[in-house]
Amino acid sequence: MQEIHSITKDHFPPFLLPLLEIPEPPEKIYYEGMLPEKEEGVKVLAVVGSRKHTRYGKDITQKLLEGLRGYPIIIVSGLALGIDGIAHQKALDIGLTTISVPGSGIAYKNLYPALHKNLAKEIVKNSGALVSEFEPELKAAPWTFPKRNRIMAGICDAVLVVEAEEKSGTLITARLALEYNKTVLAVPGNIDSSASKGTNWLIRQGATPITQAEDILDALNIKYQNESEQQTLPLEDLSPDEILILELLHEPKSKDVLIRESKLEASRALITLTSLELKDCIKEEMSLYKRIV
């Protein structure tokens, strides 16, 4: 059974506090799943784009998010078909927390779009959340999407627009982000493609052009680490269990996944994780362990 919670604006946790700074902030937020702890240094990136995306839009979304693997970034999007769904799925694939703000209430009965009901469940299952100011069973309507967009723009540090047509609703999110003093990023596209007219226009208006993941990290004030900057693995100082865990951490993983994949007893695996943290070989962020050597 779906567990939907609600929280009034007087009790918003740090992740939702930025919503109090936007005009007419929501009185209440409904959510399912786990609202992330907004730890120091963690950034929130909204990724939005066209429902009628091109192959270029899909490929560049996946490529850019792949470059954010392992960094302290929360991906927010609107669960829509197209770029939104691609962004959510890629975030899940690379172990980043992702939050969905649909254009409907979050009750599965009327969740929009229905085709992404399973995606929504995967988001919740993987320590993410569905978030909305709408009553849970409210159906999507033309007026709900602009209202939803202000929530995405409000909680993020930056908005990345991948593809948008000239009069796309995606541009509403970008405009709101500017009004809220958030950073707007846009992926340049083919000047002859209608799918890129909106993003190219945003760049002409002053949005930061994004051609690689490092551009996003720079906009979010996150230091990019290339391979030459990474520490050398001190194998001689590690136990066989510690080496096993490190070899499994080619991408961020949860404690439960590491216990399962290592096939170590739970108590033994937890001791190993603690030891690696004390040796500054790994760190835990948003319930995921990340290798730092």
Protein backbone atom coordinates (compact mmCIF):
# COMPACT_ATOMS: atom_id res chain seq x y z
CA MET A 1 0.00 0.00 0.00
CA GLN A 2 1.27 3.46 -0.89
CA GLU A 3 2.46 5.51 2.10
CA ILE A 4 1.80 9.19 1.48
CA HIS A 5 2.92 11.73 4.07
CA SER A 6 2.23 15.44 4.36
CA ILE A 7 4.14 18.26 5.96
CA THR A 8 3.11 21.87 6.48
CA LYS A 9 5.36 24.78 5.59
CA ASP A 10 6.01 25.49 9.28
CA HIS A 11 7.79 22.14 9.50
CA PHE A 12 9.59 21.96 6.14
CA PRO A 13 12.93 20.10 6.38
CA PRO A 14 16.08 21.72 4.88
CA PHE A 15 15.43 20.22 1.43
CA LEU A 16 12.07 22.04 1.18
CA LEU A 17 13.05 25.29 2.90
CA PRO A 18 13.90 27.08 -0.39
CA LEU A 19 10.19 26.89 -1.23
CA LEU A 20 9.49 29.41 1.51
CA GLU A 21 11.42 32.00 -0.50
CA ILE A 22 9.26 31.83 -3.62
CA PRO A 23 6.09 33.91 -4.13
CA GLU A 24 3.00 32.23 -2.65
CA PRO A 25 4.86 29.24 -1.17
CA PRO A 26 2.91 25.99 -0.82
CA GLU A 27 1.04 25.61 2.46
CA LYS A 28 1.62 21.89 2.49
CA ILE A 29 3.70 19.31 0.64
CA TYR A 30 2.68 15.70 0.10
CA TYR A 31 5.40 13.13 -0.45
CA GLU A 32 6.09 9.44 -0.72
CA GLY A 33 9.54 8.05 -0.05
CA MET A 34 12.50 9.71 1.59
CA LEU A 35 13.08 13.45 1.46
CA PRO A 36 16.86 13.86 1.15
CA GLU A 37 18.88 15.50 3.86
CA LYS A 38 20.33 18.66 2.37
CA GLU A 39 23.84 18.24 3.74
CA GLU A 40 26.47 20.92 3.27
CA GLY A 41 27.90 20.78 -0.24
CA VAL A 42 25.00 18.80 -1.72
CA LYS A 43 23.44 20.50 -4.74
CA VAL A 44 20.02 20.08 -6.33
CA LEU A 45 19.86 20.05 -10.13
CA ALA A 46 16.53 20.15 -11.97
CA VAL A 47 16.73 18.51 -15.39
CA VAL A 48 13.91 19.38 -17.78
CA GLY A 49 13.23 19.14 -21.48
CA SER A 50 10.92 18.22 -24.28
CA ARG A 51 8.49 15.33 -24.18
CA LYS A 52 9.08 14.97 -27.94
CA HIS A 53 12.83 14.63 -27.56
CA THR A 54 15.26 13.75 -30.34
CA ARG A 55 17.92 11.04 -30.24
CA TYR A 56 20.42 13.83 -29.60
CA GLY A 57 18.43 14.98 -26.56
CA LYS A 58 18.32 11.48 -25.10
CA ASP A 59 22.01 10.81 -25.71
CA ILE A 60 23.22 14.14 -24.32
CA THR A 61 21.04 13.80 -21.19
CA GLN A 62 22.51 10.39 -20.46
CA LYS A 63 26.05 11.53 -21.24
CA LEU A 64 25.88 14.63 -19.05
CA LEU A 65 24.38 12.77 -16.09
CA GLU A 66 26.91 9.97 -16.46
CA GLY A 67 29.58 12.60 -15.89
CA LEU A 68 27.92 13.49 -12.57
CA ARG A 69 28.27 9.94 -11.22
CA GLY A 70 29.58 9.96 -7.66
CA TYR A 71 29.16 13.69 -7.06
CA PRO A 72 26.92 15.10 -4.29
CA ILE A 73 24.03 16.04 -6.58
CA ILE A 74 20.29 15.38 -6.28
CA ILE A 75 18.43 15.17 -9.60
CA VAL A 76 14.93 16.67 -9.69
CA SER A 77 12.54 16.33 -12.63
CA GLY A 78 8.86 16.16 -13.46
CA LEU A 79 8.31 12.45 -14.32
CA ALA A 80 7.01 13.44 -17.76
CA LEU A 81 7.61 11.42 -20.90
CA GLY A 82 10.77 12.42 -22.75
CA ILE A 83 13.74 14.13 -21.12
CA ASP A 84 12.24 14.04 -17.60
CA GLY A 85 11.89 10.27 -17.60
CA ILE A 86 15.32 9.81 -19.17
CA ALA A 87 16.89 11.97 -16.45
CA HIS A 88 15.14 10.08 -13.65
CA GLN A 89 16.15 6.70 -15.07
CA LYS A 90 19.78 7.69 -15.62
CA ALA A 91 20.01 9.06 -12.08
CA LEU A 92 18.78 5.70 -10.80
CA ASP A 93 21.28 3.87 -12.99
CA ILE A 94 24.27 5.81 -11.64
CA GLY A 95 23.23 5.87 -8.00
CA LEU A 96 22.17 9.51 -7.67
CA THR A 97 19.15 10.39 -5.55
CA THR A 98 16.30 11.56 -7.75
CA ILE A 99 13.12 13.41 -6.79
CA SER A 100 10.00 13.52 -8.95
CA VAL A 101 7.56 16.44 -8.95
CA PRO A 102 4.70 15.23 -11.18
CA GLY A 103 2.01 17.37 -12.75
CA SER A 104 -0.64 15.52 -10.76
CA GLY A 105 -1.14 14.31 -7.23
CA ILE A 106 1.19 11.50 -6.21
CA ALA A 107 -1.42 8.78 -5.61
CA TYR A 108 -0.67 6.03 -8.13
CA LYS A 109 -4.34 5.87 -9.08
CA ASN A 110 -4.13 9.20 -10.94
CA LEU A 111 -0.37 9.66 -11.30
CA TYR A 112 0.61 11.40 -14.53
CA PRO A 113 1.80 10.00 -16.82
CA ALA A 114 0.44 6.52 -16.09
CA LEU A 115 3.22 5.04 -18.23
CA HIS A 116 5.74 6.15 -15.62
CA LYS A 117 4.03 4.57 -12.61
CA ASN A 118 6.71 1.87 -12.39
CA LEU A 119 9.45 4.48 -12.74
CA ALA A 120 7.89 6.39 -9.85
CA LYS A 121 7.92 3.25 -7.73
CA GLU A 122 11.59 2.66 -8.57
CA ILE A 123 12.42 6.22 -7.52
CA VAL A 124 10.79 5.67 -4.12
CA LYS A 125 12.39 2.23 -3.76
CA ASN A 126 15.85 3.72 -4.33
CA SER A 127 15.72 6.32 -1.53
CA GLY A 128 14.13 9.01 -3.69
CA ALA A 129 10.71 10.59 -3.38
CA LEU A 130 7.58 11.79 -5.14
CA VAL A 131 6.77 15.37 -4.10
CA SER A 132 3.72 17.54 -4.78
CA GLU A 133 1.66 20.35 -3.30
CA PHE A 134 -1.47 18.88 -4.90
CA GLU A 135 -3.95 16.68 -3.06
CA PRO A 136 -2.74 13.10 -3.68
CA GLU A 137 -5.61 12.04 -5.96
CA LEU A 138 -5.77 15.22 -8.04
CA LYS A 139 -5.67 14.49 -11.76
CA ALA A 140 -3.32 16.38 -14.05
CA ALA A 141 -4.85 19.37 -15.85
CA PRO A 142 -3.43 22.19 -18.01
CA TRP A 143 -3.13 24.48 -14.96
CA THR A 144 -1.29 21.95 -12.79
CA PHE A 145 1.90 21.87 -14.88
CA PRO A 146 2.92 25.56 -14.55
CA LYS A 147 2.08 25.35 -10.84
CA ARG A 148 4.22 22.22 -10.56
CA ASN A 149 7.09 23.91 -12.39
CA ARG A 150 7.45 26.52 -9.68
CA ILE A 151 8.09 23.76 -7.12
CA MET A 152 10.91 22.32 -9.24
CA ALA A 153 12.40 25.76 -9.81
CA GLY A 154 12.03 26.58 -6.13
CA ILE A 155 13.85 23.60 -4.63
CA CYS A 156 16.76 23.46 -7.06
CA ASP A 157 20.08 25.26 -7.14
CA ALA A 158 20.16 25.18 -10.94
CA VAL A 159 17.93 24.16 -13.85
CA LEU A 160 19.37 22.28 -16.82
CA VAL A 161 17.25 22.55 -19.98
CA VAL A 162 18.19 19.88 -22.52
CA GLU A 163 15.68 20.36 -25.34
CA ALA A 164 12.76 22.76 -25.63
CA GLU A 165 10.71 24.03 -28.51
CA GLU A 166 10.14 27.75 -28.98
CA LYS A 167 6.88 27.81 -26.97
CA SER A 168 7.59 24.83 -24.77
CA GLY A 169 6.24 24.61 -21.22
CA THR A 170 9.79 23.69 -20.25
CA LEU A 171 10.73 27.35 -20.68
CA ILE A 172 8.29 28.21 -17.86
CA THR A 173 10.56 26.34 -15.43
CA ALA A 174 13.59 28.23 -16.75
CA ARG A 175 11.80 31.59 -16.46
CA LEU A 176 10.71 30.84 -12.90
CA ALA A 177 14.24 29.78 -12.00
CA LEU A 178 15.53 33.15 -13.18
CA GLU A 179 12.87 34.93 -11.12
CA TYR A 180 13.97 32.91 -8.09
CA ASN A 181 17.65 33.80 -8.68
CA LYS A 182 18.59 30.26 -9.62
CA THR A 183 21.21 29.34 -12.22
CA VAL A 184 19.84 28.42 -15.66
CA LEU A 185 21.86 26.03 -17.83
CA ALA A 186 21.00 25.07 -21.40
CA VAL A 187 22.32 22.53 -23.89
CA PRO A 188 22.92 24.11 -27.31
CA GLY A 189 21.45 22.25 -30.25
CA ASN A 190 21.12 22.18 -34.01
CA ILE A 191 19.99 25.61 -35.21
CA ASP A 192 17.71 23.93 -37.74
CA SER A 193 16.01 21.71 -35.16
CA SER A 194 12.73 22.89 -33.67
CA ALA A 195 13.57 20.86 -30.55
CA SER A 196 16.49 23.19 -29.83
CA LYS A 197 14.94 26.57 -30.59
CA GLY A 198 14.04 27.10 -26.93
CA THR A 199 17.45 26.14 -25.54
CA ASN A 200 19.32 28.20 -28.13
CA TRP A 201 17.08 31.16 -27.26
CA LEU A 202 17.86 30.71 -23.55
CA ILE A 203 21.58 30.85 -24.31
CA ARG A 204 21.10 34.08 -26.27
CA GLN A 205 19.30 35.47 -23.21
CA GLY A 206 22.25 34.66 -20.96
CA ALA A 207 21.80 31.05 -19.86
CA THR A 208 25.05 29.14 -19.35
CA PRO A 209 25.75 26.83 -22.31
CA ILE A 210 26.47 23.24 -21.26
CA THR A 211 28.55 20.98 -23.48
CA GLN A 212 30.08 18.65 -20.88
CA ALA A 213 29.47 17.48 -17.31
CA GLU A 214 32.33 19.63 -16.06
CA ASP A 215 30.33 22.71 -17.08
CA ILE A 216 27.51 21.62 -14.74
CA LEU A 217 29.93 20.97 -11.87
CA ASP A 218 31.45 24.39 -12.38
CA ALA A 219 28.02 26.06 -12.33
CA LEU A 220 27.20 24.23 -9.08
CA ASN A 221 30.59 25.13 -7.55
CA ILE A 222 31.58 21.48 -7.24
CA LYS A 223 35.26 20.68 -7.82
CA TYR A 224 35.84 18.35 -10.73
CA GLN A 225 38.17 15.44 -9.97
CA ASN A 226 40.00 13.91 -12.87
CA GLU A 227 41.85 10.62 -12.64
CA SER A 228 45.22 12.27 -12.04
CA GLU A 229 43.84 13.94 -8.89
CA GLN A 230 42.58 10.73 -7.34
CA GLN A 231 44.62 9.11 -4.60
CA THR A 232 46.54 5.88 -5.16
CA LEU A 233 44.92 2.84 -3.61
CA PRO A 234 47.10 1.73 -0.62
CA LEU A 235 46.55 -2.01 -1.10
CA GLU A 236 49.31 -2.99 1.28
CA ASP A 237 47.46 -1.28 4.15
CA LEU A 238 44.11 -2.95 3.49
CA SER A 239 42.59 -6.26 4.51
CA PRO A 240 41.12 -8.66 1.92
CA ASP A 241 37.60 -7.62 3.01
CA GLU A 242 38.45 -3.93 2.56
CA ILE A 243 39.90 -4.54 -0.89
CA LEU A 244 36.76 -6.51 -1.84
CA ILE A 245 34.46 -3.65 -0.79
CA LEU A 246 36.56 -1.06 -2.64
CA GLU A 247 36.51 -3.13 -5.82
CA LEU A 248 32.70 -3.21 -5.61
CA LEU A 249 32.54 0.58 -5.29
CA HIS A 250 33.12 1.40 -8.95
CA GLU A 251 29.92 3.41 -8.45
CA PRO A 252 28.10 4.65 -5.31
CA LYS A 253 26.16 1.88 -3.57
CA SER A 254 24.00 1.48 -0.49
CA LYS A 255 24.97 -0.56 2.54
CA ASP A 256 22.44 -3.28 1.70
CA VAL A 257 23.72 -3.62 -1.87
CA LEU A 258 27.33 -3.91 -0.65
CA ILE A 259 26.40 -6.59 1.88
CA ARG A 260 24.60 -8.55 -0.81
CA GLU A 261 27.28 -8.22 -3.49
CA SER A 262 30.23 -8.87 -1.15
CA LYS A 263 28.51 -11.95 0.33
CA LEU A 264 30.01 -11.00 3.69
CA GLU A 265 28.07 -11.43 6.91
CA ALA A 266 26.25 -8.19 7.69
CA SER A 267 28.24 -7.50 10.88
CA ARG A 268 31.53 -8.18 9.09
CA ALA A 269 30.60 -5.93 6.18
CA LEU A 270 29.61 -3.09 8.53
CA ILE A 271 32.93 -3.35 10.40
CA THR A 272 34.74 -3.21 7.06
CA LEU A 273 32.79 -0.13 5.93
CA THR A 274 33.56 1.64 9.20
CA SER A 275 37.25 0.79 8.87
CA LEU A 276 37.39 2.13 5.31
CA GLU A 277 35.71 5.36 6.40
CA LEU A 278 38.26 5.82 9.20
CA LYS A 279 41.05 5.31 6.65
CA ASP A 280 39.49 7.97 4.37
CA CYS A 281 39.05 5.42 1.59
CA ILE A 282 35.27 5.84 1.32
CA LYS A 283 32.60 8.25 2.47
CA GLU A 284 28.85 8.03 2.94
CA GLU A 285 26.57 10.59 1.29
CA MET A 286 22.77 10.35 1.18
CA SER A 287 22.87 6.68 2.31
CA LEU A 288 25.29 5.76 -0.49
CA TYR A 289 28.93 4.80 -0.05
CA LYS A 290 31.37 6.40 -2.48
CA ARG A 291 34.97 5.41 -3.07
CA ILE A 292 37.42 8.32 -2.73
CA VAL A 293 40.74 6.52 -3.34
